[in-house]
Amino acid sequence: MAKAKGPRPKHVPIRTCIACRQEAGKRELVRVVRTPSGSVQVDPTGKLAGRGAYVCRTRACWEQALQGQRLGGALKTTLTADNLAELRAYAAALPESL
């Protein structure tokens, strides 16, 4: 028996939210990156160079990721007050839940 020919299904990279540990497609999560210069920022394209961590697009997950050292630990850095303020401002614009 021959296999049916046709287009192969497109591969979707799977990533895990560092807050809720739920797996989702890479494009469904928000990437936070520590750049080689040491700054921490939101990466909307998902292509910036540096160490990245993924968080769901909900305010609850962002609050959980920012409290304690969860995000800093995933990025292997210590978040400064400026970094935290910038990330909290981004989280404030997100919906409470999906």
Protein backbone atom coordinates (compact mmCIF):
# COMPACT_ATOMS: atom_id res chain seq x y z
CA MET A 1 0.00 0.00 0.00
CA ALA A 2 1.27 3.42 -0.92
CA LYS A 3 0.91 6.37 1.42
CA ALA A 4 -1.34 9.17 0.31
CA LYS A 5 0.62 12.06 -1.15
CA GLY A 6 -0.15 15.58 -0.13
CA PRO A 7 1.26 18.57 1.65
CA ARG A 8 2.94 17.88 4.95
CA PRO A 9 1.32 19.54 7.95
CA LYS A 10 3.21 22.65 9.04
CA HIS A 11 5.33 22.17 12.16
CA VAL A 12 4.25 24.42 15.05
CA PRO A 13 6.93 24.97 17.71
CA ILE A 14 5.58 24.31 21.22
CA ARG A 15 6.70 26.42 24.19
CA THR A 16 5.79 26.36 27.91
CA CYS A 17 4.57 29.35 29.92
CA ILE A 18 6.92 29.89 32.88
CA ALA A 19 4.00 30.91 35.11
CA CYS A 20 1.24 28.34 34.56
CA ARG A 21 3.41 25.64 32.89
CA GLN A 22 0.84 25.24 30.11
CA GLU A 23 2.14 24.32 26.65
CA ALA A 24 1.06 26.34 23.63
CA GLY A 25 2.24 27.29 20.17
CA LYS A 26 5.15 29.72 20.08
CA ARG A 27 3.01 32.45 18.48
CA GLU A 28 0.31 32.18 21.18
CA LEU A 29 2.75 33.18 23.95
CA VAL A 30 4.72 36.37 24.57
CA ARG A 31 8.51 36.10 24.58
CA VAL A 32 10.57 38.04 27.07
CA VAL A 33 14.26 38.20 26.19
CA ARG A 34 17.50 39.06 27.97
CA THR A 35 19.64 40.57 25.24
CA PRO A 36 23.40 40.05 25.02
CA SER A 37 23.82 43.60 26.40
CA GLY A 38 21.95 42.51 29.55
CA SER A 39 18.69 44.41 29.09
CA VAL A 40 15.34 42.65 29.54
CA GLN A 41 12.49 43.45 27.15
CA VAL A 42 9.35 42.08 25.55
CA ASP A 43 10.06 40.53 22.15
CA PRO A 44 6.90 40.78 20.00
CA THR A 45 8.62 39.24 16.95
CA GLY A 46 10.11 36.30 18.85
CA LYS A 47 13.37 36.74 16.94
CA LEU A 48 15.58 38.97 19.07
CA ALA A 49 18.96 37.52 19.99
CA GLY A 50 19.36 36.45 23.58
CA ARG A 51 17.94 34.13 26.22
CA GLY A 52 14.16 33.98 26.10
CA ALA A 53 11.27 32.92 28.29
CA TYR A 54 7.61 32.59 27.35
CA VAL A 55 4.52 33.84 29.21
CA CYS A 56 0.81 33.51 28.33
CA ARG A 57 -1.04 36.58 27.09
CA THR A 58 -2.99 36.96 30.35
CA ARG A 59 -2.41 39.39 33.20
CA ALA A 60 -2.67 36.59 35.78
CA CYS A 61 0.28 34.70 34.28
CA TRP A 62 2.34 37.90 34.02
CA GLU A 63 1.72 38.76 37.67
CA GLN A 64 2.73 35.24 38.67
CA ALA A 65 5.87 35.39 36.50
CA LEU A 66 6.92 38.79 37.86
CA GLN A 67 6.46 37.97 41.54
CA GLY A 68 9.40 36.27 43.17
CA GLN A 69 12.26 35.30 40.89
CA ARG A 70 10.44 33.15 38.34
CA LEU A 71 11.12 35.36 35.29
CA GLY A 72 14.58 36.37 36.47
CA GLY A 73 15.46 32.74 37.06
CA ALA A 74 14.26 31.69 33.62
CA LEU A 75 16.34 34.46 32.04
CA LYS A 76 19.26 33.76 34.40
CA THR A 77 19.49 37.39 35.48
CA THR A 78 18.32 39.71 38.22
CA LEU A 79 15.53 42.03 37.12
CA THR A 80 16.11 45.69 37.92
CA ALA A 81 13.36 48.05 39.12
CA ASP A 82 13.28 49.61 35.63
CA ASN A 83 12.84 46.17 34.01
CA LEU A 84 10.03 45.30 36.40
CA ALA A 85 8.27 48.64 35.79
CA GLU A 86 8.45 48.17 32.01
CA LEU A 87 7.16 44.58 32.18
CA ARG A 88 4.36 45.50 34.61
CA ALA A 89 3.27 48.31 32.27
CA TYR A 90 3.08 45.78 29.43
CA ALA A 91 1.11 43.35 31.63
CA ALA A 92 -1.38 46.06 32.61
CA ALA A 93 -2.52 46.30 28.97
CA LEU A 94 -3.26 42.55 28.76
CA PRO A 95 -6.69 40.97 29.40
CA GLU A 96 -7.33 39.44 32.84
CA SER A 97 -7.91 35.99 31.30
CA LEU A 98 -8.60 34.47 27.89
